[in-house]
Amino acid sequence: MTVAVFDIDGVVADVRHRLHHLDGYPQDWAAFFRAAGRDTPLGVGLELVAEQLAAGHEIVWLTGRPDWLRETTIDWLGEHDLPTAELFMRGRRDFRPARQLKVDVLGELAERDIALFVDDDPDVIRTATAAGFPARLAGWVPHTKTLRRAQEQAGRT
């Protein structure tokens, strides 16, 4: 079966309500992640997931969220009627930039037929495309400097 690989934050989950935890110094990562269960769903992302399901693709989630947030993430996906079967998350002490982390996981998934990879980070999309993966930028939520720092410099999301 072919798979469609989706990021979560900025693709199906709206994180903007919690970005203020990362704006100042020190950044409050614990508060940022604790608020993840209160993210509102992003309709455009949900529609794209539904299209991929209708096309017969299995949904695989690939997020930079830390693995200790697994239960919260699975609960959130379930609350919004999204598949929860396959979820790849950032391992403990893995602070690689999101573009490296995600392309490495895509490489592991490459033995399966990847129909589409969707992410909100332009750097991730550029790297995935350069590696030969069919990628689409989720541009429905503006990619802020705060989020870019979290993904590329801090390696946290």
Protein backbone atom coordinates (compact mmCIF):
# COMPACT_ATOMS: atom_id res chain seq x y z
CA MET A 1 0.00 0.00 0.00
CA THR A 2 1.17 3.49 -0.73
CA VAL A 3 1.58 5.94 2.11
CA ALA A 4 0.98 9.66 2.49
CA VAL A 5 3.26 11.15 5.13
CA PHE A 6 2.07 14.17 7.09
CA ASP A 7 3.63 16.49 9.64
CA ILE A 8 1.24 17.50 12.43
CA ASP A 9 2.07 21.00 13.73
CA GLY A 10 1.14 23.63 11.15
CA VAL A 11 -0.38 20.99 8.87
CA VAL A 12 -3.36 19.55 10.75
CA ALA A 13 -2.82 21.19 14.18
CA ASP A 14 -2.73 24.94 14.73
CA VAL A 15 0.18 25.73 17.11
CA ARG A 16 -0.08 29.50 16.96
CA HIS A 17 -1.78 29.75 20.37
CA ARG A 18 1.32 28.30 22.04
CA LEU A 19 4.17 29.98 20.14
CA HIS A 20 4.33 32.78 22.73
CA HIS A 21 6.05 30.28 25.06
CA LEU A 22 9.03 30.32 22.68
CA ASP A 23 9.23 34.05 21.90
CA GLY A 24 11.21 35.18 24.94
CA TYR A 25 14.26 33.95 26.79
CA PRO A 26 14.35 31.58 28.39
CA GLN A 27 12.01 29.65 26.14
CA ASP A 28 9.41 27.63 28.03
CA TRP A 29 9.48 24.35 26.12
CA ALA A 30 7.53 22.48 28.79
CA ALA A 31 4.62 24.94 28.57
CA PHE A 32 4.79 24.92 24.77
CA PHE A 33 4.42 21.16 24.62
CA ARG A 34 1.91 20.91 27.49
CA ALA A 35 -0.44 23.09 25.44
CA ALA A 36 -0.33 20.75 22.41
CA GLY A 37 -3.51 18.95 23.43
CA ARG A 38 -5.40 22.23 23.03
CA ASP A 39 -4.41 22.82 19.40
CA THR A 40 -7.33 23.49 17.10
CA PRO A 41 -7.53 21.48 13.88
CA LEU A 42 -6.67 23.09 10.56
CA GLY A 43 -9.46 22.40 8.06
CA VAL A 44 -7.24 22.53 4.97
CA GLY A 45 -4.93 19.90 6.45
CA LEU A 46 -7.82 17.67 7.51
CA GLU A 47 -9.26 17.86 3.98
CA LEU A 48 -5.92 16.87 2.47
CA VAL A 49 -5.67 13.87 4.82
CA ALA A 50 -9.23 12.86 3.83
CA GLU A 51 -8.27 13.12 0.11
CA GLN A 52 -5.28 10.86 0.65
CA LEU A 53 -7.38 8.34 2.56
CA ALA A 54 -9.99 8.40 -0.21
CA ALA A 55 -7.22 7.71 -2.72
CA GLY A 56 -6.41 4.54 -0.78
CA HIS A 57 -3.23 5.76 0.87
CA GLU A 58 -2.26 4.79 4.38
CA ILE A 59 -1.54 7.85 6.56
CA VAL A 60 1.81 8.03 8.34
CA TRP A 61 2.55 10.88 10.75
CA LEU A 62 6.08 12.32 10.87
CA THR A 63 6.44 15.03 13.48
CA GLY A 64 9.31 16.78 15.19
CA ARG A 65 7.38 16.61 18.47
CA PRO A 66 9.31 14.79 21.20
CA ASP A 67 8.36 11.18 21.82
CA TRP A 68 7.28 11.91 25.41
CA LEU A 69 4.31 13.72 23.83
CA ARG A 70 3.13 10.51 22.09
CA GLU A 71 0.03 9.88 24.21
CA THR A 72 -1.14 13.50 23.93
CA THR A 73 -0.57 13.41 20.18
CA ILE A 74 -2.42 10.13 19.66
CA ASP A 75 -5.31 11.40 21.79
CA TRP A 76 -5.46 14.63 19.75
CA LEU A 77 -5.44 12.74 16.44
CA GLY A 78 -8.18 10.42 17.68
CA GLU A 79 -10.32 13.32 18.92
CA HIS A 80 -10.27 14.71 15.39
CA ASP A 81 -11.02 11.36 13.70
CA LEU A 82 -7.55 11.07 12.22
CA PRO A 83 -5.73 7.73 11.89
CA THR A 84 -3.33 6.94 14.72
CA ALA A 85 -1.67 3.74 13.52
CA GLU A 86 1.77 5.00 12.52
CA LEU A 87 3.45 7.91 14.28
CA PHE A 88 7.14 8.82 14.00
CA MET A 89 8.34 11.30 16.62
CA ARG A 90 11.63 12.88 17.70
CA GLY A 91 13.62 10.63 20.00
CA ARG A 92 15.03 11.67 23.33
CA ARG A 93 18.08 13.93 22.99
CA ASP A 94 17.60 14.12 19.20
CA PHE A 95 18.02 17.80 18.41
CA ARG A 96 18.85 17.54 14.71
CA PRO A 97 17.28 20.19 12.52
CA ALA A 98 13.80 19.13 11.37
CA ARG A 99 14.98 18.85 7.75
CA GLN A 100 17.59 16.23 8.69
CA LEU A 101 15.36 14.30 11.07
CA LYS A 102 12.44 14.09 8.67
CA VAL A 103 14.41 13.22 5.54
CA ASP A 104 16.17 10.46 7.49
CA VAL A 105 12.78 9.01 8.48
CA LEU A 106 11.51 9.37 4.91
CA GLY A 107 14.55 7.36 3.86
CA GLU A 108 13.50 4.60 6.26
CA LEU A 109 9.99 4.70 4.79
CA ALA A 110 11.27 4.68 1.20
CA GLU A 111 10.95 0.91 0.91
CA ARG A 112 7.23 1.65 0.77
CA ASP A 113 5.71 3.72 -1.99
CA ILE A 114 5.47 7.31 -0.71
CA ALA A 115 2.73 9.08 -2.63
CA LEU A 116 3.08 12.42 -0.85
CA PHE A 117 4.89 14.13 2.01
CA VAL A 118 3.30 17.27 3.51
CA ASP A 119 5.11 19.65 5.89
CA ASP A 120 4.82 23.32 6.85
CA ASP A 121 8.57 23.98 6.94
CA PRO A 122 10.01 25.26 3.64
CA ASP A 123 13.50 23.96 4.58
CA VAL A 124 12.09 20.47 5.18
CA ILE A 125 10.23 20.54 1.86
CA ARG A 126 13.34 21.71 -0.05
CA THR A 127 15.45 18.98 1.53
CA ALA A 128 12.82 16.28 0.92
CA THR A 129 12.37 17.33 -2.70
CA ALA A 130 16.13 17.36 -3.25
CA ALA A 131 16.24 13.82 -1.85
CA GLY A 132 13.64 12.75 -4.42
CA PHE A 133 10.49 12.60 -2.29
CA PRO A 134 7.17 13.96 -3.60
CA ALA A 135 6.63 16.86 -1.22
CA ARG A 136 4.05 19.59 -0.75
CA LEU A 137 4.38 22.71 1.37
CA ALA A 138 1.51 23.26 3.79
CA GLY A 139 1.40 27.02 3.45
CA TRP A 140 -1.94 27.63 5.13
CA VAL A 141 -0.33 28.81 8.41
CA PRO A 142 2.42 31.43 8.15
CA HIS A 143 5.80 29.97 9.04
CA THR A 144 7.08 32.33 11.74
CA LYS A 145 10.65 33.04 12.78
CA THR A 146 9.84 31.54 16.18
CA LEU A 147 8.76 28.25 14.63
CA ARG A 148 11.73 28.22 12.25
CA ARG A 149 14.15 28.65 15.17
CA ALA A 150 12.41 25.84 17.05
CA GLN A 151 12.66 23.48 14.09
CA GLU A 152 16.01 24.32 12.58
CA GLN A 153 18.17 25.76 15.37
CA ALA A 154 16.80 24.19 18.54
CA GLY A 155 15.75 20.92 16.88
CA ARG A 156 12.70 20.69 19.13
CA THR A 157 9.67 20.41 16.84
